[in-house]
Amino acid sequence: MFARNQRHESKNCPFCRDKYTKKNGRKLGKQQYQCIACKRQFLCGTRLNNQTLWIE
């Protein structure tokens, strides 16, 4: 059984770097999070860098 007060791994917001986020469903099979401070949504705590994508 799962404990109600069990802490889940929280992710830092890639936009404002705030550590207070909550799980917000799934998208494309990946966990989606929402930042409580700036209200933006992101996937798995990572943000793609356009320069890195062009190099690869």
PDB file of N, CA and C in Angstrom:
ATOM      1  N   MET A   1       0.832  -1.185   0.000  1.00  0.00           N
ATOM      2  CA  MET A   1       0.000   0.000   0.000  1.00  0.00           C
ATOM      3  C   MET A   1       0.877   1.248   0.000  1.00  0.00           C
ATOM      4  N   PHE A   2       0.328   2.299  -0.513  1.00  0.00           N
ATOM      5  CA  PHE A   2       1.038   3.565  -0.570  1.00  0.00           C
ATOM      6  C   PHE A   2       0.621   4.456   0.596  1.00  0.00           C
ATOM      7  N   ALA A   3       1.575   5.111   1.200  1.00  0.00           N
ATOM      8  CA  ALA A   3       1.270   6.051   2.280  1.00  0.00           C
ATOM      9  C   ALA A   3       0.760   7.358   1.686  1.00  0.00           C
ATOM     10  N   ARG A   4      -0.197   7.958   2.344  1.00  0.00           N
ATOM     11  CA  ARG A   4      -0.749   9.218   1.839  1.00  0.00           C
ATOM     12  C   ARG A   4       0.259  10.352   1.904  1.00  0.00           C
ATOM     13  N   ASN A   5       1.120  10.333   2.890  1.00  0.00           N
ATOM     14  CA  ASN A   5       2.077  11.414   3.074  1.00  0.00           C
ATOM     15  C   ASN A   5       3.412  11.135   2.398  1.00  0.00           C
ATOM     16  N   GLN A   6       3.431  10.207   1.489  1.00  0.00           N
ATOM     17  CA  GLN A   6       4.662   9.853   0.794  1.00  0.00           C
ATOM     18  C   GLN A   6       5.069  11.000  -0.130  1.00  0.00           C
ATOM     19  N   ARG A   7       6.327  11.437   0.005  1.00  0.00           N
ATOM     20  CA  ARG A   7       6.828  12.526  -0.844  1.00  0.00           C
ATOM     21  C   ARG A   7       7.211  11.970  -2.204  1.00  0.00           C
ATOM     22  N   HIS A   8       6.865  12.687  -3.245  1.00  0.00           N
ATOM     23  CA  HIS A   8       7.295  12.308  -4.583  1.00  0.00           C
ATOM     24  C   HIS A   8       8.446  13.218  -4.988  1.00  0.00           C
ATOM     25  N   GLU A   9       9.201  12.778  -5.940  1.00  0.00           N
ATOM     26  CA  GLU A   9      10.337  13.560  -6.413  1.00  0.00           C
ATOM     27  C   GLU A   9       9.826  14.802  -7.134  1.00  0.00           C
ATOM     28  N   SER A  10      10.164  15.966  -6.613  1.00  0.00           N
ATOM     29  CA  SER A  10       9.718  17.197  -7.251  1.00  0.00           C
ATOM     30  C   SER A  10      10.815  17.717  -8.173  1.00  0.00           C
ATOM     31  N   LYS A  11      10.401  18.368  -9.215  1.00  0.00           N
ATOM     32  CA  LYS A  11      11.325  18.905 -10.207  1.00  0.00           C
ATOM     33  C   LYS A  11      11.366  20.421 -10.090  1.00  0.00           C
ATOM     34  N   ASN A  12      12.520  20.999 -10.360  1.00  0.00           N
ATOM     35  CA  ASN A  12      12.627  22.455 -10.397  1.00  0.00           C
ATOM     36  C   ASN A  12      12.086  22.955 -11.722  1.00  0.00           C
ATOM     37  N   CYS A  13      11.439  24.110 -11.680  1.00  0.00           N
ATOM     38  CA  CYS A  13      10.883  24.709 -12.889  1.00  0.00           C
ATOM     39  C   CYS A  13      12.028  25.203 -13.776  1.00  0.00           C
ATOM     40  N   PRO A  14      12.056  24.814 -15.055  1.00  0.00           N
ATOM     41  CA  PRO A  14      13.132  25.264 -15.945  1.00  0.00           C
ATOM     42  C   PRO A  14      12.981  26.731 -16.361  1.00  0.00           C
ATOM     43  N   PHE A  15      11.835  27.335 -16.088  1.00  0.00           N
ATOM     44  CA  PHE A  15      11.598  28.713 -16.487  1.00  0.00           C
ATOM     45  C   PHE A  15      11.991  29.694 -15.379  1.00  0.00           C
ATOM     46  N   CYS A  16      11.472  29.481 -14.157  1.00  0.00           N
ATOM     47  CA  CYS A  16      11.753  30.409 -13.059  1.00  0.00           C
ATOM     48  C   CYS A  16      12.636  29.802 -11.975  1.00  0.00           C
ATOM     49  N   ARG A  17      13.018  28.533 -12.125  1.00  0.00           N
ATOM     50  CA  ARG A  17      13.895  27.820 -11.189  1.00  0.00           C
ATOM     51  C   ARG A  17      13.288  27.610  -9.804  1.00  0.00           C
ATOM     52  N   ASP A  18      11.985  27.763  -9.677  1.00  0.00           N
ATOM     53  CA  ASP A  18      11.328  27.545  -8.401  1.00  0.00           C
ATOM     54  C   ASP A  18      11.242  26.051  -8.132  1.00  0.00           C
ATOM     55  N   LYS A  19      11.326  25.657  -6.866  1.00  0.00           N
ATOM     56  CA  LYS A  19      11.313  24.234  -6.545  1.00  0.00           C
ATOM     57  C   LYS A  19       9.924  23.706  -6.211  1.00  0.00           C
ATOM     58  N   TYR A  20       8.914  24.579  -6.173  1.00  0.00           N
ATOM     59  CA  TYR A  20       7.567  24.147  -5.838  1.00  0.00           C
ATOM     60  C   TYR A  20       6.785  23.866  -7.110  1.00  0.00           C
ATOM     61  N   THR A  21       6.693  22.581  -7.437  1.00  0.00           N
ATOM     62  CA  THR A  21       5.960  22.148  -8.616  1.00  0.00           C
ATOM     63  C   THR A  21       5.010  21.029  -8.218  1.00  0.00           C
ATOM     64  N   LYS A  22       4.060  20.738  -9.098  1.00  0.00           N
ATOM     65  CA  LYS A  22       3.153  19.625  -8.845  1.00  0.00           C
ATOM     66  C   LYS A  22       2.986  18.825 -10.122  1.00  0.00           C
ATOM     67  N   LYS A  23       2.670  17.560  -9.961  1.00  0.00           N
ATOM     68  CA  LYS A  23       2.414  16.713 -11.119  1.00  0.00           C
ATOM     69  C   LYS A  23       1.114  17.173 -11.766  1.00  0.00           C
ATOM     70  N   ASN A  24       1.105  17.146 -13.105  1.00  0.00           N
ATOM     71  CA  ASN A  24      -0.055  17.653 -13.832  1.00  0.00           C
ATOM     72  C   ASN A  24      -0.374  16.764 -15.025  1.00  0.00           C
ATOM     73  N   GLY A  25      -0.542  15.479 -14.771  1.00  0.00           N
ATOM     74  CA  GLY A  25      -0.913  14.543 -15.824  1.00  0.00           C
ATOM     75  C   GLY A  25       0.273  14.044 -16.627  1.00  0.00           C
ATOM     76  N   ARG A  26      -0.038  13.436 -17.777  1.00  0.00           N
ATOM     77  CA  ARG A  26       0.992  12.891 -18.652  1.00  0.00           C
ATOM     78  C   ARG A  26       0.771  13.392 -20.063  1.00  0.00           C
ATOM     79  N   LYS A  27       1.871  13.535 -20.798  1.00  0.00           N
ATOM     80  CA  LYS A  27       1.802  13.950 -22.195  1.00  0.00           C
ATOM     81  C   LYS A  27       2.852  13.164 -22.949  1.00  0.00           C
ATOM     82  N   LEU A  28       2.438  12.499 -24.007  1.00  0.00           N
ATOM     83  CA  LEU A  28       3.332  11.676 -24.829  1.00  0.00           C
ATOM     84  C   LEU A  28       4.045  10.620 -23.993  1.00  0.00           C
ATOM     85  N   GLY A  29       3.366  10.096 -22.960  1.00  0.00           N
ATOM     86  CA  GLY A  29       3.935   9.047 -22.122  1.00  0.00           C
ATOM     87  C   GLY A  29       4.925   9.542 -21.086  1.00  0.00           C
ATOM     88  N   LYS A  30       5.081  10.856 -20.939  1.00  0.00           N
ATOM     89  CA  LYS A  30       6.014  11.418 -19.966  1.00  0.00           C
ATOM     90  C   LYS A  30       5.248  12.212 -18.920  1.00  0.00           C
ATOM     91  N   GLN A  31       5.807  12.246 -17.704  1.00  0.00           N
ATOM     92  CA  GLN A  31       5.171  12.990 -16.630  1.00  0.00           C
ATOM     93  C   GLN A  31       5.224  14.482 -16.914  1.00  0.00           C
ATOM     94  N   GLN A  32       4.094  15.158 -16.744  1.00  0.00           N
ATOM     95  CA  GLN A  32       4.011  16.591 -16.955  1.00  0.00           C
ATOM     96  C   GLN A  32       3.885  17.269 -15.592  1.00  0.00           C
ATOM     97  N   TYR A  33       4.568  18.402 -15.427  1.00  0.00           N
ATOM     98  CA  TYR A  33       4.556  19.141 -14.171  1.00  0.00           C
ATOM     99  C   TYR A  33       4.060  20.551 -14.414  1.00  0.00           C
ATOM    100  N   GLN A  34       3.555  21.198 -13.350  1.00  0.00           N
ATOM    101  CA  GLN A  34       3.159  22.595 -13.409  1.00  0.00           C
ATOM    102  C   GLN A  34       3.822  23.331 -12.252  1.00  0.00           C
ATOM    103  N   CYS A  35       4.408  24.474 -12.553  1.00  0.00           N
ATOM    104  CA  CYS A  35       5.051  25.303 -11.540  1.00  0.00           C
ATOM    105  C   CYS A  35       3.969  26.076 -10.791  1.00  0.00           C
ATOM    106  N   ILE A  36       4.053  26.078  -9.478  1.00  0.00           N
ATOM    107  CA  ILE A  36       3.071  26.787  -8.677  1.00  0.00           C
ATOM    108  C   ILE A  36       3.306  28.296  -8.751  1.00  0.00           C
ATOM    109  N   ALA A  37       4.556  28.717  -8.883  1.00  0.00           N
ATOM    110  CA  ALA A  37       4.887  30.146  -8.895  1.00  0.00           C
ATOM    111  C   ALA A  37       4.505  30.821 -10.216  1.00  0.00           C
ATOM    112  N   CYS A  38       4.972  30.284 -11.353  1.00  0.00           N
ATOM    113  CA  CYS A  38       4.735  30.954 -12.644  1.00  0.00           C
ATOM    114  C   CYS A  38       3.619  30.309 -13.463  1.00  0.00           C
ATOM    115  N   LYS A  39       3.045  29.214 -12.980  1.00  0.00           N
ATOM    116  CA  LYS A  39       1.904  28.525 -13.620  1.00  0.00           C
ATOM    117  C   LYS A  39       2.225  27.927 -14.985  1.00  0.00           C
ATOM    118  N   ARG A  40       3.510  27.790 -15.341  1.00  0.00           N
ATOM    119  CA  ARG A  40       3.868  27.204 -16.631  1.00  0.00           C
ATOM    120  C   ARG A  40       3.992  25.696 -16.486  1.00  0.00           C
ATOM    121  N   GLN A  41       3.777  24.980 -17.592  1.00  0.00           N
ATOM    122  CA  GLN A  41       3.858  23.529 -17.598  1.00  0.00           C
ATOM    123  C   GLN A  41       5.115  23.094 -18.330  1.00  0.00           C
ATOM    124  N   PHE A  42       5.662  21.941 -17.901  1.00  0.00           N
ATOM    125  CA  PHE A  42       6.856  21.403 -18.548  1.00  0.00           C
ATOM    126  C   PHE A  42       6.882  19.899 -18.360  1.00  0.00           C
ATOM    127  N   LEU A  43       7.668  19.220 -19.184  1.00  0.00           N
ATOM    128  CA  LEU A  43       7.792  17.771 -19.133  1.00  0.00           C
ATOM    129  C   LEU A  43       9.091  17.364 -18.455  1.00  0.00           C
ATOM    130  N   CYS A  44       9.009  16.535 -17.437  1.00  0.00           N
ATOM    131  CA  CYS A  44      10.159  15.873 -16.816  1.00  0.00           C
ATOM    132  C   CYS A  44      11.269  16.810 -16.378  1.00  0.00           C
ATOM    133  N   GLY A  45      11.013  18.063 -16.191  1.00  0.00           N
ATOM    134  CA  GLY A  45      12.002  18.977 -15.650  1.00  0.00           C
ATOM    135  C   GLY A  45      13.109  19.383 -16.598  1.00  0.00           C
ATOM    136  N   THR A  46      12.998  19.017 -17.862  1.00  0.00           N
ATOM    137  CA  THR A  46      14.042  19.388 -18.804  1.00  0.00           C
ATOM    138  C   THR A  46      13.482  20.346 -19.846  1.00  0.00           C
ATOM    139  N   ARG A  47      14.326  21.193 -20.330  1.00  0.00           N
ATOM    140  CA  ARG A  47      13.936  22.125 -21.380  1.00  0.00           C
ATOM    141  C   ARG A  47      14.949  21.983 -22.506  1.00  0.00           C
ATOM    142  N   LEU A  48      14.478  21.795 -23.714  1.00  0.00           N
ATOM    143  CA  LEU A  48      15.371  21.598 -24.841  1.00  0.00           C
ATOM    144  C   LEU A  48      15.996  22.913 -25.267  1.00  0.00           C
ATOM    145  N   ASN A  49      17.267  22.855 -25.587  1.00  0.00           N
ATOM    146  CA  ASN A  49      18.007  24.017 -26.037  1.00  0.00           C
ATOM    147  C   ASN A  49      18.099  23.959 -27.559  1.00  0.00           C
ATOM    148  N   ASN A  50      17.669  25.005 -28.249  1.00  0.00           N
ATOM    149  CA  ASN A  50      17.666  25.000 -29.717  1.00  0.00           C
ATOM    150  C   ASN A  50      19.061  24.827 -30.299  1.00  0.00           C
ATOM    151  N   GLN A  51      20.063  25.429 -29.687  1.00  0.00           N
ATOM    152  CA  GLN A  51      21.427  25.316 -30.192  1.00  0.00           C
ATOM    153  C   GLN A  51      21.911  23.866 -30.112  1.00  0.00           C
ATOM    154  N   THR A  52      21.597  23.188 -29.048  1.00  0.00           N
ATOM    155  CA  THR A  52      21.997  21.792 -28.902  1.00  0.00           C
ATOM    156  C   THR A  52      21.303  20.922 -29.952  1.00  0.00           C
ATOM    157  N   LEU A  53      20.036  21.214 -30.225  1.00  0.00           N
ATOM    158  CA  LEU A  53      19.305  20.440 -31.233  1.00  0.00           C
ATOM    159  C   LEU A  53      19.906  20.621 -32.614  1.00  0.00           C
ATOM    160  N   TRP A  54      20.326  21.839 -32.973  1.00  0.00           N
ATOM    161  CA  TRP A  54      20.913  22.081 -34.272  1.00  0.00           C
ATOM    162  C   TRP A  54      22.265  21.395 -34.415  1.00  0.00           C
ATOM    163  N   ILE A  55      23.030  21.351 -33.340  1.00  0.00           N
ATOM    164  CA  ILE A  55      24.356  20.699 -33.388  1.00  0.00           C
ATOM    165  C   ILE A  55      24.209  19.207 -33.602  1.00  0.00           C
ATOM    166  N   GLU A  56      23.232  18.605 -32.917  1.00  0.00           N
ATOM    167  CA  GLU A  56      23.023  17.163 -33.068  1.00  0.00           C
ATOM    168  C   GLU A  56      22.450  16.867 -34.423  1.00  0.00           C
TER     169      GLU A  56
END
